[in-house]
Amino acid sequence: MMVVAAVAFALVVMVPQADATRFIVGANMGWTSNVNYTIWAQGKHFYNGDWLFFVYDRNQMNVLEVNKTDYESCNSDHPLHNWTTGAGRDVVPLNVTRHSYFISGKGFCYGGMKLAVRVENPPPPPISSPLNEKSGSPSSLYRGQIVLPAVLAIGALWYAFARVW
């Protein structure tokens, strides 16, 4: 049983992580009127797998996903999706590569509560440079991929063995 746990631990350590980002819409201002969400979104990259986190006054506002025409005209009559859960803390997964448009109905869209994001596929992982004599030996390249996880697995086994005795 302990060997299985150590092997599972080693595999988890060796698997590269794909980090999704959770964006708090409007940062410390949240989802509220009189905030320019175009400026807030400027310079941010929204990738497939990321999340938008809307924090707002649940008694007054909501989060509606609309098409581009309804976004531009602040029309909340026919939303594509109502993300409002009633808690004022709504999470929207960005799992489709496309432009997404969000507004708050009840007239708040006219006060600036509208957000457009372009969801992209994540960039490919960086390509490693070819080895040359100045960049280091192959063993130094494998240290982070093999040696460190192996040391951690051996340490976990040693710890488990020491607890049994």
Protein backbone atom coordinates (compact mmCIF):
# COMPACT_ATOMS: atom_id res chain seq x y z
CA MET A 1 0.00 0.00 0.00
CA MET A 2 2.81 2.38 0.87
CA VAL A 3 4.63 1.64 -2.37
CA VAL A 4 1.48 2.48 -4.32
CA ALA A 5 1.16 5.76 -2.43
CA ALA A 6 4.81 6.61 -3.10
CA VAL A 7 4.49 5.82 -6.81
CA ALA A 8 1.29 7.88 -7.05
CA PHE A 9 3.03 10.75 -5.29
CA ALA A 10 5.98 10.56 -7.68
CA LEU A 11 3.66 10.58 -10.70
CA VAL A 12 1.80 13.63 -9.40
CA VAL A 13 5.06 15.48 -8.87
CA MET A 14 6.26 14.69 -12.38
CA VAL A 15 3.03 15.71 -14.18
CA PRO A 16 3.26 19.27 -15.48
CA GLN A 17 0.61 21.65 -14.19
CA ALA A 18 -1.79 23.58 -16.35
CA ASP A 19 -2.76 26.65 -14.39
CA ALA A 20 -6.10 28.28 -15.01
CA THR A 21 -6.62 31.83 -13.82
CA ARG A 22 -9.61 33.03 -11.83
CA PHE A 23 -10.19 36.69 -12.65
CA ILE A 24 -12.13 38.73 -10.10
CA VAL A 25 -14.08 40.99 -12.44
CA GLY A 26 -13.31 44.61 -11.60
CA ALA A 27 -10.62 43.55 -9.09
CA ASN A 28 -11.24 45.27 -5.74
CA MET A 29 -14.22 47.24 -7.12
CA GLY A 30 -16.14 44.10 -8.10
CA TRP A 31 -19.12 44.02 -10.46
CA THR A 32 -20.70 47.41 -9.89
CA SER A 33 -21.74 50.54 -11.76
CA ASN A 34 -19.40 53.37 -12.69
CA VAL A 35 -16.46 51.05 -13.44
CA ASN A 36 -14.97 50.90 -16.93
CA TYR A 37 -14.66 47.15 -17.52
CA THR A 38 -13.12 47.73 -20.95
CA ILE A 39 -10.14 49.33 -19.20
CA TRP A 40 -10.12 46.57 -16.56
CA ALA A 41 -9.97 43.84 -19.24
CA GLN A 42 -7.37 45.69 -21.31
CA GLY A 43 -4.03 43.90 -21.38
CA LYS A 44 -5.44 40.70 -19.85
CA HIS A 45 -5.40 37.41 -21.71
CA PHE A 46 -8.40 35.20 -21.11
CA TYR A 47 -7.66 31.58 -21.96
CA ASN A 48 -9.85 28.55 -22.43
CA GLY A 49 -10.07 27.04 -18.94
CA ASP A 50 -9.94 30.34 -17.04
CA TRP A 51 -12.77 31.61 -14.84
CA LEU A 52 -14.51 34.94 -14.32
CA PHE A 53 -15.58 35.61 -10.73
CA PHE A 54 -18.32 38.23 -10.40
CA VAL A 55 -18.78 39.78 -6.93
CA TYR A 56 -21.74 42.15 -6.55
CA ASP A 57 -24.79 43.19 -4.55
CA ARG A 58 -27.09 40.20 -4.98
CA ASN A 59 -30.21 42.22 -4.16
CA GLN A 60 -29.78 44.63 -7.05
CA MET A 61 -27.60 43.24 -9.84
CA ASN A 62 -27.13 40.15 -11.93
CA VAL A 63 -24.77 38.56 -14.49
CA LEU A 64 -26.17 37.85 -17.93
CA GLU A 65 -24.28 36.51 -20.93
CA VAL A 66 -25.60 38.08 -24.13
CA ASN A 67 -24.73 38.32 -27.81
CA LYS A 68 -22.74 41.24 -29.22
CA THR A 69 -25.82 43.17 -30.40
CA ASP A 70 -27.49 42.96 -26.97
CA TYR A 71 -24.17 43.87 -25.32
CA GLU A 72 -23.87 47.03 -27.41
CA SER A 73 -27.50 48.06 -26.82
CA CYS A 74 -27.67 46.90 -23.16
CA ASN A 75 -30.62 44.65 -23.99
CA SER A 76 -31.15 42.04 -21.26
CA ASP A 77 -34.45 40.66 -22.61
CA HIS A 78 -32.99 37.50 -24.22
CA PRO A 79 -29.76 36.44 -22.49
CA LEU A 80 -27.81 33.48 -23.81
CA HIS A 81 -27.18 32.45 -20.22
CA ASN A 82 -28.14 33.82 -16.81
CA TRP A 83 -25.14 33.17 -14.52
CA THR A 84 -26.86 34.72 -11.51
CA THR A 85 -27.05 32.23 -8.63
CA GLY A 86 -28.53 34.62 -6.07
CA ALA A 87 -25.46 34.72 -3.84
CA GLY A 88 -23.74 37.69 -5.48
CA ARG A 89 -20.69 35.49 -6.04
CA ASP A 90 -20.97 33.99 -9.49
CA VAL A 91 -18.31 31.97 -11.28
CA VAL A 92 -18.34 31.77 -15.07
CA PRO A 93 -16.10 29.18 -16.73
CA LEU A 94 -14.45 30.34 -19.93
CA ASN A 95 -14.46 27.03 -21.73
CA VAL A 96 -15.20 28.07 -25.32
CA THR A 97 -12.77 29.92 -27.56
CA ARG A 98 -14.76 32.97 -28.72
CA HIS A 99 -15.84 36.48 -27.77
CA SER A 100 -18.08 36.50 -24.70
CA TYR A 101 -20.27 39.38 -23.61
CA PHE A 102 -21.65 39.98 -20.13
CA ILE A 103 -24.02 42.66 -18.83
CA SER A 104 -26.01 43.39 -15.73
CA GLY A 105 -29.69 43.89 -16.39
CA LYS A 106 -32.11 46.05 -14.41
CA GLY A 107 -30.65 49.17 -16.06
CA PHE A 108 -27.15 48.77 -14.60
CA CYS A 109 -25.64 48.08 -18.02
CA TYR A 110 -26.22 51.73 -18.88
CA GLY A 111 -24.05 52.64 -15.86
CA GLY A 112 -21.15 50.67 -17.34
CA MET A 113 -21.82 47.16 -16.05
CA LYS A 114 -20.82 45.39 -19.24
CA LEU A 115 -17.80 43.27 -20.04
CA ALA A 116 -16.52 41.83 -23.31
CA VAL A 117 -13.75 39.25 -23.27
CA ARG A 118 -11.99 37.35 -26.02
CA VAL A 119 -11.30 33.78 -24.92
CA GLU A 120 -8.25 32.28 -26.61
CA ASN A 121 -6.57 28.92 -26.57
CA PRO A 122 -3.60 28.88 -24.19
CA PRO A 123 -0.22 29.42 -25.79
CA PRO A 124 1.86 26.31 -26.41
CA PRO A 125 4.49 25.49 -23.82
CA PRO A 126 7.90 27.02 -24.46
CA ILE A 127 10.20 25.01 -26.68
CA SER A 128 13.50 24.14 -25.06
CA SER A 129 16.59 25.42 -26.79
CA PRO A 130 18.97 22.92 -28.33
CA LEU A 131 21.85 21.78 -26.20
CA ASN A 132 25.23 23.25 -26.76
CA GLU A 133 28.37 22.98 -24.71
CA LYS A 134 27.77 26.29 -22.95
CA SER A 135 24.19 25.55 -21.85
CA GLY A 136 25.00 22.66 -19.55
CA SER A 137 25.13 18.91 -19.58
CA PRO A 138 22.14 16.67 -20.23
CA SER A 139 22.25 15.53 -16.63
CA SER A 140 21.52 19.05 -15.41
CA LEU A 141 18.45 19.16 -17.65
CA TYR A 142 17.03 15.95 -16.18
CA ARG A 143 17.66 16.96 -12.58
CA GLY A 144 14.32 18.76 -12.28
CA GLN A 145 12.40 16.12 -14.23
CA ILE A 146 13.71 12.89 -12.74
CA VAL A 147 16.03 13.37 -9.79
CA LEU A 148 13.87 15.70 -7.71
CA PRO A 149 10.69 13.59 -8.00
CA ALA A 150 12.74 10.44 -7.28
CA VAL A 151 14.23 12.03 -4.16
CA LEU A 152 10.78 13.08 -3.01
CA ALA A 153 9.40 9.57 -3.63
CA ILE A 154 12.28 7.97 -1.71
CA GLY A 155 11.73 10.44 1.12
CA ALA A 156 8.03 9.54 1.23
CA LEU A 157 8.89 5.84 1.31
CA TRP A 158 11.46 6.41 4.08
CA TYR A 159 8.93 8.39 6.11
CA ALA A 160 6.27 5.69 5.65
CA PHE A 161 8.79 2.97 6.58
CA ALA A 162 9.93 4.89 9.68
CA ARG A 163 6.32 5.28 10.87
CA VAL A 164 5.70 1.54 10.64
CA TRP A 165 8.76 0.78 12.84
